[in-house]
Amino acid sequence: WERHSIRVFLGLFFLLGCARVNLTSKDPIKLDVTMRLDIYQHVANDANAIEDMIAAPKEQQGAVLGKTSWLALGLQEAFAQEEASFPAGVQAAIESRKERRSDLLRWESQGTVGENSKGFVEIKDEGAADVAVASFVSDENKDRAAIYEYVSHKNGTTPVETGKVFAKRIQSDAPGGTPVESADGSWSKK
């Protein structure tokens, strides 16, 4: 009898445990699609701030107090605070990109390297590229990847999506003659 009661109890437990639950609502379920736009905006803001730091002329990066307007001084202080908030590896990547910028612009304007739609540099003229250019592209892409990883982690998105946002800004800053890749994968000269 005792075993039979246990079986009945277990049988009822499993039957009731498998009961069907139906959730219905009079109102449709609403999703907040602005969240994705908000993430995109934060990534775009970070991309602009970082690319502004990289593209800033050397005179602005180390301006002497006596030669700087109050407005420019305020902007430099804001950039200095922003730079100080980056992890050491990301700050090093930004500094390395600053140092390589003149070579990048020269090789882009010659069509030797181009900007792809994922935010990375590619060799486009194999005949004009040598070991130095290949090493340059590798170093530049490694630094960009470190920056994208940081920005994507900070904003809750992926490095791939972050790279696409950076690509738009970087392509817009590239000099005329730079090969650029569109989102559909086709290449053209800027």
N, C-alpha and C. Protein backbone atom coordinates (compact mmCIF):
# COMPACT_ATOMS: atom_id res chain seq x y z
N TRP A 1 0.81 -1.18 0.00
CA TRP A 1 0.00 0.00 0.00
C TRP A 1 0.86 1.25 0.00
N GLU A 2 1.91 1.20 0.74
CA GLU A 2 2.80 2.33 0.84
C GLU A 2 3.45 2.63 -0.52
N ARG A 3 3.87 1.58 -1.23
CA ARG A 3 4.47 1.77 -2.55
C ARG A 3 3.44 2.30 -3.53
N HIS A 4 2.23 1.79 -3.42
CA HIS A 4 1.17 2.24 -4.31
C HIS A 4 0.87 3.74 -4.10
N SER A 5 0.83 4.21 -2.87
CA SER A 5 0.59 5.62 -2.60
C SER A 5 1.73 6.48 -3.14
N ILE A 6 2.94 5.99 -3.02
CA ILE A 6 4.07 6.75 -3.56
C ILE A 6 3.95 6.86 -5.07
N ARG A 7 3.58 5.76 -5.73
CA ARG A 7 3.41 5.78 -7.19
C ARG A 7 2.30 6.73 -7.61
N VAL A 8 1.19 6.69 -6.89
CA VAL A 8 0.07 7.59 -7.19
C VAL A 8 0.51 9.04 -6.99
N PHE A 9 1.19 9.29 -5.90
CA PHE A 9 1.67 10.65 -5.62
C PHE A 9 2.63 11.12 -6.70
N LEU A 10 3.57 10.27 -7.09
CA LEU A 10 4.52 10.62 -8.14
C LEU A 10 3.82 10.81 -9.49
N GLY A 11 2.83 9.95 -9.76
CA GLY A 11 2.08 10.08 -11.00
C GLY A 11 1.35 11.41 -11.06
N LEU A 12 0.67 11.78 -10.00
CA LEU A 12 -0.02 13.07 -9.94
C LEU A 12 0.97 14.23 -10.02
N PHE A 13 2.10 14.09 -9.35
CA PHE A 13 3.12 15.14 -9.38
C PHE A 13 3.60 15.40 -10.80
N PHE A 14 3.88 14.32 -11.55
CA PHE A 14 4.36 14.47 -12.93
C PHE A 14 3.26 15.01 -13.84
N LEU A 15 2.04 14.55 -13.65
CA LEU A 15 0.93 15.06 -14.47
C LEU A 15 0.69 16.54 -14.23
N LEU A 16 0.68 16.92 -12.98
CA LEU A 16 0.46 18.33 -12.65
C LEU A 16 1.70 19.16 -13.00
N GLY A 17 2.86 18.58 -12.88
CA GLY A 17 4.10 19.28 -13.23
C GLY A 17 4.20 19.57 -14.72
N CYS A 18 3.51 18.81 -15.53
CA CYS A 18 3.53 19.01 -16.98
C CYS A 18 2.32 19.80 -17.45
N ALA A 19 1.69 20.47 -16.55
CA ALA A 19 0.50 21.25 -16.91
C ALA A 19 0.88 22.34 -17.91
N ARG A 20 -0.03 22.62 -18.78
CA ARG A 20 0.20 23.62 -19.82
C ARG A 20 -0.16 25.01 -19.28
N VAL A 21 0.73 25.93 -19.49
CA VAL A 21 0.52 27.30 -19.05
C VAL A 21 0.39 28.16 -20.30
N ASN A 22 -0.64 28.94 -20.34
CA ASN A 22 -0.88 29.80 -21.50
C ASN A 22 -0.86 31.25 -21.04
N LEU A 23 0.09 32.01 -21.57
CA LEU A 23 0.19 33.42 -21.22
C LEU A 23 -0.37 34.24 -22.37
N THR A 24 -1.36 35.01 -22.09
CA THR A 24 -1.94 35.88 -23.11
C THR A 24 -2.02 37.28 -22.56
N SER A 25 -2.06 38.21 -23.47
CA SER A 25 -2.13 39.61 -23.09
C SER A 25 -3.08 40.32 -24.03
N LYS A 26 -3.85 41.24 -23.49
CA LYS A 26 -4.73 42.03 -24.34
C LYS A 26 -3.92 43.00 -25.20
N ASP A 27 -2.82 43.49 -24.64
CA ASP A 27 -1.96 44.44 -25.36
C ASP A 27 -0.84 43.69 -26.06
N PRO A 28 -0.44 44.19 -27.23
CA PRO A 28 0.69 43.54 -27.91
C PRO A 28 1.97 43.77 -27.11
N ILE A 29 2.90 42.83 -27.27
CA ILE A 29 4.20 42.96 -26.60
C ILE A 29 5.01 44.01 -27.35
N LYS A 30 5.59 44.93 -26.60
CA LYS A 30 6.37 46.01 -27.20
C LYS A 30 7.84 45.81 -26.87
N LEU A 31 8.69 46.05 -27.85
CA LEU A 31 10.13 45.95 -27.67
C LEU A 31 10.74 47.34 -27.81
N ASP A 32 11.79 47.59 -27.06
CA ASP A 32 12.47 48.88 -27.14
C ASP A 32 13.57 48.81 -28.19
N VAL A 33 13.27 49.25 -29.41
CA VAL A 33 14.26 49.21 -30.48
C VAL A 33 15.22 50.38 -30.40
N THR A 34 14.95 51.34 -29.55
CA THR A 34 15.85 52.48 -29.41
C THR A 34 17.15 52.07 -28.73
N MET A 35 17.14 50.94 -28.04
CA MET A 35 18.36 50.48 -27.38
C MET A 35 19.48 50.24 -28.40
N ARG A 36 19.17 49.62 -29.51
CA ARG A 36 20.17 49.35 -30.54
C ARG A 36 20.71 50.66 -31.11
N LEU A 37 19.81 51.63 -31.33
CA LEU A 37 20.25 52.92 -31.84
C LEU A 37 21.13 53.63 -30.82
N ASP A 38 20.80 53.47 -29.56
CA ASP A 38 21.58 54.09 -28.50
C ASP A 38 22.99 53.50 -28.47
N ILE A 39 23.10 52.18 -28.59
CA ILE A 39 24.42 51.54 -28.63
C ILE A 39 25.20 52.03 -29.83
N TYR A 40 24.55 52.10 -31.00
CA TYR A 40 25.21 52.58 -32.20
C TYR A 40 25.71 54.01 -32.00
N GLN A 41 24.90 54.85 -31.37
CA GLN A 41 25.30 56.24 -31.15
C GLN A 41 26.51 56.32 -30.22
N HIS A 42 26.54 55.49 -29.18
CA HIS A 42 27.68 55.49 -28.27
C HIS A 42 28.95 55.03 -28.99
N VAL A 43 28.83 54.01 -29.82
CA VAL A 43 29.99 53.53 -30.58
C VAL A 43 30.45 54.63 -31.54
N ALA A 44 29.51 55.29 -32.21
CA ALA A 44 29.86 56.37 -33.14
C ALA A 44 30.54 57.52 -32.40
N ASN A 45 30.06 57.86 -31.21
CA ASN A 45 30.70 58.91 -30.42
C ASN A 45 32.12 58.52 -30.03
N ASP A 46 32.30 57.27 -29.61
CA ASP A 46 33.64 56.79 -29.26
C ASP A 46 34.55 56.78 -30.48
N ALA A 47 34.01 56.33 -31.62
CA ALA A 47 34.80 56.31 -32.85
C ALA A 47 35.25 57.72 -33.22
N ASN A 48 34.35 58.67 -33.15
CA ASN A 48 34.70 60.05 -33.48
C ASN A 48 35.74 60.61 -32.52
N ALA A 49 35.58 60.36 -31.24
CA ALA A 49 36.54 60.87 -30.25
C ALA A 49 37.93 60.27 -30.48
N ILE A 50 38.00 58.98 -30.71
CA ILE A 50 39.30 58.32 -30.91
C ILE A 50 39.93 58.76 -32.22
N GLU A 51 39.14 58.79 -33.29
CA GLU A 51 39.69 59.22 -34.59
C GLU A 51 40.10 60.69 -34.56
N ASP A 52 39.39 61.52 -33.80
CA ASP A 52 39.80 62.92 -33.64
C ASP A 52 41.17 63.01 -32.96
N MET A 53 41.38 62.16 -31.95
CA MET A 53 42.68 62.14 -31.26
C MET A 53 43.79 61.72 -32.22
N ILE A 54 43.51 60.73 -33.05
CA ILE A 54 44.51 60.21 -33.97
C ILE A 54 44.81 61.22 -35.07
N ALA A 55 43.77 61.90 -35.55
CA ALA A 55 43.93 62.82 -36.67
C ALA A 55 44.38 64.22 -36.26
N ALA A 56 44.38 64.53 -34.96
CA ALA A 56 44.75 65.87 -34.52
C ALA A 56 46.17 66.21 -34.96
N PRO A 57 46.35 67.39 -35.55
CA PRO A 57 47.70 67.79 -35.95
C PRO A 57 48.62 67.83 -34.73
N LYS A 58 49.90 67.59 -34.96
CA LYS A 58 50.88 67.54 -33.87
C LYS A 58 50.90 68.84 -33.08
N GLU A 59 50.64 69.98 -33.76
CA GLU A 59 50.64 71.25 -33.04
C GLU A 59 49.56 71.26 -31.97
N GLN A 60 48.41 70.66 -32.26
CA GLN A 60 47.32 70.63 -31.29
C GLN A 60 47.58 69.63 -30.18
N GLN A 61 48.33 68.57 -30.48
CA GLN A 61 48.57 67.54 -29.48
C GLN A 61 49.49 68.04 -28.37
N GLY A 62 50.41 68.90 -28.70
CA GLY A 62 51.34 69.37 -27.67
C GLY A 62 51.45 70.88 -27.66
N ALA A 63 50.35 71.56 -27.78
CA ALA A 63 50.37 73.02 -27.87
C ALA A 63 50.90 73.64 -26.59
N VAL A 64 51.63 74.73 -26.76
CA VAL A 64 52.17 75.48 -25.64
C VAL A 64 51.06 76.38 -25.12
N LEU A 65 50.94 76.52 -23.81
CA LEU A 65 49.86 77.27 -23.19
C LEU A 65 49.75 78.68 -23.76
N GLY A 66 50.86 79.37 -23.96
CA GLY A 66 50.83 80.74 -24.45
C GLY A 66 50.31 80.85 -25.88
N LYS A 67 50.35 79.80 -26.66
CA LYS A 67 49.94 79.83 -28.06
C LYS A 67 48.57 79.20 -28.27
N THR A 68 47.86 78.89 -27.19
CA THR A 68 46.60 78.17 -27.30
C THR A 68 45.45 79.06 -26.82
N SER A 69 44.36 79.07 -27.57
CA SER A 69 43.19 79.82 -27.13
C SER A 69 42.54 79.09 -25.97
N TRP A 70 41.72 79.79 -25.21
CA TRP A 70 41.04 79.17 -24.07
C TRP A 70 40.13 78.04 -24.53
N LEU A 71 39.48 78.22 -25.69
CA LEU A 71 38.61 77.18 -26.21
C LEU A 71 39.41 75.93 -26.54
N ALA A 72 40.51 76.11 -27.26
CA ALA A 72 41.36 74.97 -27.63
C ALA A 72 41.94 74.31 -26.39
N LEU A 73 42.29 75.11 -25.38
CA LEU A 73 42.82 74.55 -24.15
C LEU A 73 41.78 73.65 -23.49
N GLY A 74 40.52 74.09 -23.48
CA GLY A 74 39.45 73.27 -22.91
C GLY A 74 39.28 71.97 -23.66
N LEU A 75 39.37 72.02 -24.99
CA LEU A 75 39.25 70.80 -25.79
C LEU A 75 40.42 69.86 -25.52
N GLN A 76 41.62 70.44 -25.40
CA GLN A 76 42.78 69.59 -25.12
C GLN A 76 42.65 68.92 -23.76
N GLU A 77 42.13 69.67 -22.78
CA GLU A 77 41.93 69.07 -21.46
C GLU A 77 40.91 67.94 -21.53
N ALA A 78 39.85 68.13 -22.31
CA ALA A 78 38.85 67.07 -22.47
C ALA A 78 39.46 65.83 -23.12
N PHE A 79 40.28 66.05 -24.16
CA PHE A 79 40.95 64.92 -24.81
C PHE A 79 41.92 64.25 -23.84
N ALA A 80 42.63 65.04 -23.06
CA ALA A 80 43.58 64.47 -22.11
C ALA A 80 42.85 63.60 -21.08
N GLN A 81 41.66 64.07 -20.62
CA GLN A 81 40.89 63.26 -19.68
C GLN A 81 40.40 61.99 -20.35
N GLU A 82 39.94 62.10 -21.61
CA GLU A 82 39.46 60.92 -22.34
C GLU A 82 40.60 59.93 -22.54
N GLU A 83 41.78 60.44 -22.94
CA GLU A 83 42.93 59.57 -23.16
C GLU A 83 43.32 58.86 -21.88
N ALA A 84 43.26 59.58 -20.75
CA ALA A 84 43.67 59.00 -19.48
C ALA A 84 42.73 57.87 -19.06
N SER A 85 41.51 57.85 -19.58
CA SER A 85 40.56 56.84 -19.16
C SER A 85 40.68 55.53 -19.95
N PHE A 86 41.53 55.48 -20.96
CA PHE A 86 41.71 54.26 -21.73
C PHE A 86 42.66 53.31 -21.02
N PRO A 87 42.42 52.01 -21.14
CA PRO A 87 43.40 51.05 -20.61
C PRO A 87 44.74 51.24 -21.34
N ALA A 88 45.81 50.83 -20.71
CA ALA A 88 47.16 51.05 -21.25
C ALA A 88 47.32 50.49 -22.66
N GLY A 89 46.82 49.30 -22.93
CA GLY A 89 46.96 48.70 -24.25
C GLY A 89 46.23 49.49 -25.33
N VAL A 90 45.07 50.01 -25.00
CA VAL A 90 44.30 50.80 -25.95
C VAL A 90 44.99 52.14 -26.18
N GLN A 91 45.47 52.75 -25.11
CA GLN A 91 46.19 54.03 -25.25
C GLN A 91 47.44 53.84 -26.11
N ALA A 92 48.14 52.74 -25.93
CA ALA A 92 49.32 52.46 -26.74
C ALA A 92 48.94 52.28 -28.21
N ALA A 93 47.80 51.63 -28.47
CA ALA A 93 47.33 51.43 -29.85
C ALA A 93 46.99 52.78 -30.49
N ILE A 94 46.36 53.67 -29.74
CA ILE A 94 46.03 55.00 -30.25
C ILE A 94 47.31 55.77 -30.56
N GLU A 95 48.27 55.73 -29.67
CA GLU A 95 49.55 56.44 -29.88
C GLU A 95 50.28 55.88 -31.10
N SER A 96 50.28 54.57 -31.26
CA SER A 96 50.94 53.96 -32.42
C SER A 96 50.26 54.39 -33.72
N ARG A 97 48.94 54.45 -33.70
CA ARG A 97 48.21 54.89 -34.90
C ARG A 97 48.52 56.35 -35.22
N LYS A 98 48.67 57.18 -34.19
CA LYS A 98 49.04 58.59 -34.40
C LYS A 98 50.39 58.67 -35.11
N GLU A 99 51.35 57.87 -34.64
CA GLU A 99 52.70 57.89 -35.20
C GLU A 99 52.71 57.40 -36.65
N ARG A 100 51.85 56.48 -37.00
CA ARG A 100 51.81 55.93 -38.36
C ARG A 100 50.95 56.73 -39.32
N ARG A 101 50.21 57.69 -38.84
CA ARG A 101 49.20 58.38 -39.64
C ARG A 101 49.75 58.98 -40.94
N SER A 102 50.88 59.64 -40.91
CA SER A 102 51.41 60.27 -42.13
C SER A 102 51.74 59.21 -43.20
N ASP A 103 52.30 58.07 -42.78
CA ASP A 103 52.58 57.00 -43.74
C ASP A 103 51.27 56.43 -44.30
N LEU A 104 50.27 56.27 -43.43
CA LEU A 104 48.97 55.75 -43.87
C LEU A 104 48.38 56.66 -44.93
N LEU A 105 48.35 57.95 -44.67
CA LEU A 105 47.77 58.90 -45.62
C LEU A 105 48.53 58.89 -46.95
N ARG A 106 49.84 58.78 -46.87
CA ARG A 106 50.64 58.75 -48.10
C ARG A 106 50.33 57.51 -48.93
N TRP A 107 50.31 56.35 -48.29
CA TRP A 107 50.05 55.10 -49.02
C TRP A 107 48.60 55.00 -49.49
N GLU A 108 47.69 55.60 -48.74
CA GLU A 108 46.29 55.61 -49.18
C GLU A 108 46.13 56.49 -50.42
N SER A 109 46.71 57.68 -50.39
CA SER A 109 46.56 58.60 -51.53
C SER A 109 47.22 58.04 -52.79
N GLN A 110 48.24 57.20 -52.62
CA GLN A 110 48.89 56.55 -53.76
C GLN A 110 48.12 55.32 -54.24
N GLY A 111 47.15 54.88 -53.45
CA GLY A 111 46.38 53.70 -53.82
C GLY A 111 47.07 52.39 -53.44
N THR A 112 48.15 52.47 -52.68
CA THR A 112 48.86 51.26 -52.26
C THR A 112 48.04 50.46 -51.25
N VAL A 113 47.40 51.17 -50.31
CA VAL A 113 46.53 50.52 -49.33
C VAL A 113 45.16 51.18 -49.39
N GLY A 114 44.17 50.44 -48.94
CA GLY A 114 42.81 50.96 -48.92
C GLY A 114 42.11 50.63 -47.63
N GLU A 115 40.96 51.25 -47.44
CA GLU A 115 40.16 51.07 -46.24
C GLU A 115 38.98 50.16 -46.56
N ASN A 116 38.90 49.00 -45.88
CA ASN A 116 37.77 48.11 -46.15
C ASN A 116 36.56 48.51 -45.32
N SER A 117 35.45 47.86 -45.54
CA SER A 117 34.19 48.21 -44.87
C SER A 117 34.11 47.69 -43.45
N LYS A 118 35.13 46.96 -43.02
CA LYS A 118 35.15 46.42 -41.66
C LYS A 118 36.05 47.23 -40.74
N GLY A 119 36.63 48.33 -41.27
CA GLY A 119 37.46 49.19 -40.44
C GLY A 119 38.94 48.84 -40.44
N PHE A 120 39.37 48.03 -41.40
CA PHE A 120 40.77 47.63 -41.46
C PHE A 120 41.42 48.07 -42.77
N VAL A 121 42.74 48.11 -42.76
CA VAL A 121 43.52 48.48 -43.93
C VAL A 121 43.85 47.22 -44.73
N GLU A 122 43.80 47.35 -46.05
CA GLU A 122 44.19 46.23 -46.93
C GLU A 122 45.17 46.74 -47.98
N ILE A 123 46.09 45.87 -48.37
CA ILE A 123 46.99 46.19 -49.48
C ILE A 123 46.18 46.07 -50.76
N LYS A 124 46.21 47.11 -51.57
CA LYS A 124 45.43 47.11 -52.81
C LYS A 124 46.32 47.10 -54.05
N ASP A 125 47.57 47.54 -53.94
CA ASP A 125 48.50 47.54 -55.08
C ASP A 125 49.70 46.70 -54.68
N GLU A 126 49.61 45.40 -54.98
CA GLU A 126 50.67 44.46 -54.59
C GLU A 126 52.02 44.85 -55.20
N GLY A 127 52.01 45.44 -56.40
CA GLY A 127 53.26 45.83 -57.06
C GLY A 127 53.99 46.94 -56.32
N ALA A 128 53.23 47.85 -55.73
CA ALA A 128 53.84 48.97 -55.01
C ALA A 128 54.13 48.65 -53.56
N ALA A 129 53.54 47.56 -53.07
CA ALA A 129 53.71 47.20 -51.67
C ALA A 129 54.96 46.35 -51.49
N ASP A 130 55.67 46.62 -50.43
CA ASP A 130 56.86 45.83 -50.10
C ASP A 130 56.70 45.29 -48.68
N VAL A 131 57.77 44.76 -48.14
CA VAL A 131 57.72 44.18 -46.80
C VAL A 131 57.35 45.24 -45.76
N ALA A 132 57.84 46.45 -45.95
CA ALA A 132 57.53 47.53 -45.01
C ALA A 132 56.03 47.84 -45.00
N VAL A 133 55.41 47.85 -46.17
CA VAL A 133 53.98 48.12 -46.26
C VAL A 133 53.19 46.98 -45.60
N ALA A 134 53.59 45.75 -45.88
CA ALA A 134 52.90 44.59 -45.28
C ALA A 134 53.01 44.62 -43.76
N SER A 135 54.18 44.95 -43.24
CA SER A 135 54.37 45.06 -41.80
C SER A 135 53.54 46.21 -41.23
N PHE A 136 53.51 47.33 -41.96
CA PHE A 136 52.72 48.48 -41.56
C PHE A 136 51.23 48.10 -41.45
N VAL A 137 50.70 47.43 -42.48
CA VAL A 137 49.29 47.03 -42.49
C VAL A 137 48.99 46.10 -41.32
N SER A 138 49.88 45.16 -41.05
CA SER A 138 49.69 44.24 -39.94
C SER A 138 49.65 44.99 -38.60
N ASP A 139 50.59 45.90 -38.39
CA ASP A 139 50.64 46.68 -37.15
C ASP A 139 49.40 47.56 -36.99
N GLU A 140 49.02 48.24 -38.08
CA GLU A 140 47.85 49.12 -38.04
C GLU A 140 46.59 48.32 -37.71
N ASN A 141 46.42 47.18 -38.35
CA ASN A 141 45.22 46.36 -38.11
C ASN A 141 45.20 45.77 -36.71
N LYS A 142 46.36 45.43 -36.18
CA LYS A 142 46.44 44.91 -34.82
C LYS A 142 46.00 45.99 -33.82
N ASP A 143 46.45 47.22 -34.04
CA ASP A 143 46.05 48.32 -33.15
C ASP A 143 44.57 48.64 -33.29
N ARG A 144 44.06 48.63 -34.51
CA ARG A 144 42.64 48.87 -34.72
C ARG A 144 41.81 47.80 -34.03
N ALA A 145 42.23 46.55 -34.14
CA ALA A 145 41.49 45.45 -33.51
C ALA A 145 41.43 45.63 -31.99
N ALA A 146 42.53 46.09 -31.38
CA ALA A 146 42.55 46.32 -29.93
C ALA A 146 41.57 47.44 -29.55
N ILE A 147 41.53 48.48 -30.36
CA ILE A 147 40.61 49.60 -30.10
C ILE A 147 39.17 49.14 -30.26
N TYR A 148 38.88 48.40 -31.32
CA TYR A 148 37.51 47.93 -31.57
C TYR A 148 37.05 46.99 -30.46
N GLU A 149 37.94 46.15 -30.00
CA GLU A 149 37.60 45.22 -28.92
C GLU A 149 37.21 46.01 -27.66
N TYR A 150 37.99 47.02 -27.34
CA TYR A 150 37.70 47.83 -26.16
C TYR A 150 36.36 48.56 -26.30
N VAL A 151 36.15 49.24 -27.43
CA VAL A 151 34.93 50.02 -27.64
C VAL A 151 33.71 49.10 -27.67
N SER A 152 33.82 47.95 -28.30
CA SER A 152 32.68 47.04 -28.35
C SER A 152 32.34 46.50 -26.96
N HIS A 153 33.35 46.16 -26.18
CA HIS A 153 33.10 45.66 -24.82
C HIS A 153 32.46 46.76 -23.97
N LYS A 154 32.96 47.97 -24.11
CA LYS A 154 32.44 49.12 -23.36
C LYS A 154 30.97 49.39 -23.68
N ASN A 155 30.57 49.17 -24.93
CA ASN A 155 29.23 49.53 -25.38
C ASN A 155 28.29 48.35 -25.58
N GLY A 156 28.72 47.15 -25.26
CA GLY A 156 27.84 45.99 -25.34
C GLY A 156 27.50 45.57 -26.76
N THR A 157 28.46 45.64 -27.65
CA THR A 157 28.25 45.20 -29.03
C THR A 157 29.44 44.33 -29.44
N THR A 158 29.55 44.00 -30.71
CA THR A 158 30.63 43.13 -31.16
C THR A 158 31.74 43.96 -31.81
N PRO A 159 32.96 43.43 -31.83
CA PRO A 159 34.05 44.12 -32.53
C PRO A 159 33.75 44.30 -34.02
N VAL A 160 33.03 43.36 -34.63
CA VAL A 160 32.70 43.46 -36.05
C VAL A 160 31.80 44.67 -36.29
N GLU A 161 30.75 44.81 -35.48
CA GLU A 161 29.85 45.96 -35.62
C GLU A 161 30.59 47.27 -35.33
N THR A 162 31.45 47.25 -34.32
CA THR A 162 32.23 48.44 -33.99
C THR A 162 33.15 48.81 -35.14
N GLY A 163 33.79 47.83 -35.75
CA GLY A 163 34.67 48.09 -36.89
C GLY A 163 33.94 48.74 -38.05
N LYS A 164 32.70 48.33 -38.28
CA LYS A 164 31.91 48.93 -39.36
C LYS A 164 31.62 50.41 -39.10
N VAL A 165 31.38 50.75 -37.83
CA VAL A 165 31.14 52.16 -37.48
C VAL A 165 32.43 52.96 -37.67
N PHE A 166 33.55 52.41 -37.21
CA PHE A 166 34.83 53.08 -37.39
C PHE A 166 35.15 53.23 -38.87
N ALA A 167 34.81 52.22 -39.68
CA ALA A 167 35.12 52.25 -41.11
C ALA A 167 34.51 53.48 -41.78
N LYS A 168 33.29 53.81 -41.42
CA LYS A 168 32.63 54.97 -42.02
C LYS A 168 33.42 56.25 -41.72
N ARG A 169 33.84 56.41 -40.48
CA ARG A 169 34.59 57.61 -40.10
C ARG A 169 35.97 57.61 -40.78
N ILE A 170 36.65 56.49 -40.73
CA ILE A 170 38.00 56.42 -41.29
C ILE A 170 37.95 56.65 -42.80
N GLN A 171 36.98 56.07 -43.49
CA GLN A 171 36.86 56.28 -44.94
C GLN A 171 36.56 57.74 -45.25
N SER A 172 35.76 58.38 -44.42
CA SER A 172 35.45 59.80 -44.69
C SER A 172 36.68 60.68 -44.49
N ASP A 173 37.60 60.28 -43.61
CA ASP A 173 38.82 61.05 -43.37
C ASP A 173 39.93 60.74 -44.37
N ALA A 174 39.80 59.65 -45.11
CA ALA A 174 40.87 59.21 -46.03
C ALA A 174 41.05 60.23 -47.15
N PRO A 175 42.28 60.39 -47.62
CA PRO A 175 42.53 61.35 -48.70
C PRO A 175 42.01 60.84 -50.05
N GLY A 176 41.85 61.77 -50.99
CA GLY A 176 41.44 61.40 -52.34
C GLY A 176 42.41 60.39 -52.93
N GLY A 177 41.89 59.46 -53.70
CA GLY A 177 42.71 58.41 -54.30
C GLY A 177 42.77 57.14 -53.48
N THR A 178 42.22 57.19 -52.27
CA THR A 178 42.23 56.02 -51.40
C THR A 178 41.21 54.99 -51.90
N PRO A 179 41.64 53.74 -52.08
CA PRO A 179 40.65 52.68 -52.37
C PRO A 179 39.79 52.46 -51.13
N VAL A 180 38.46 52.49 -51.30
CA VAL A 180 37.54 52.25 -50.19
C VAL A 180 36.54 51.18 -50.60
N GLU A 181 36.20 50.34 -49.64
CA GLU A 181 35.24 49.26 -49.89
C GLU A 181 33.87 49.69 -49.37
N SER A 182 32.85 49.51 -50.18
CA SER A 182 31.48 49.80 -49.74
C SER A 182 30.93 48.59 -49.00
N ALA A 183 29.79 48.77 -48.38
CA ALA A 183 29.17 47.69 -47.60
C ALA A 183 28.85 46.46 -48.44
N ASP A 184 28.63 46.64 -49.75
CA ASP A 184 28.32 45.51 -50.62
C ASP A 184 29.56 44.75 -51.09
N GLY A 185 30.75 45.21 -50.69
CA GLY A 185 32.00 44.52 -51.03
C GLY A 185 32.70 45.05 -52.26
N SER A 186 32.12 46.04 -52.94
CA SER A 186 32.78 46.60 -54.12
C SER A 186 33.76 47.70 -53.70
N TRP A 187 34.83 47.82 -54.48
CA TRP A 187 35.87 48.80 -54.20
C TRP A 187 35.81 49.93 -55.22
N SER A 188 36.14 51.12 -54.76
CA SER A 188 36.23 52.28 -55.64
C SER A 188 37.28 53.23 -55.06
N LYS A 189 37.68 54.19 -55.86
CA LYS A 189 38.65 55.21 -55.39
C LYS A 189 37.86 56.37 -54.82
N LYS A 190 38.29 56.86 -53.70
CA LYS A 190 37.62 58.01 -53.10
C LYS A 190 37.96 59.26 -53.87
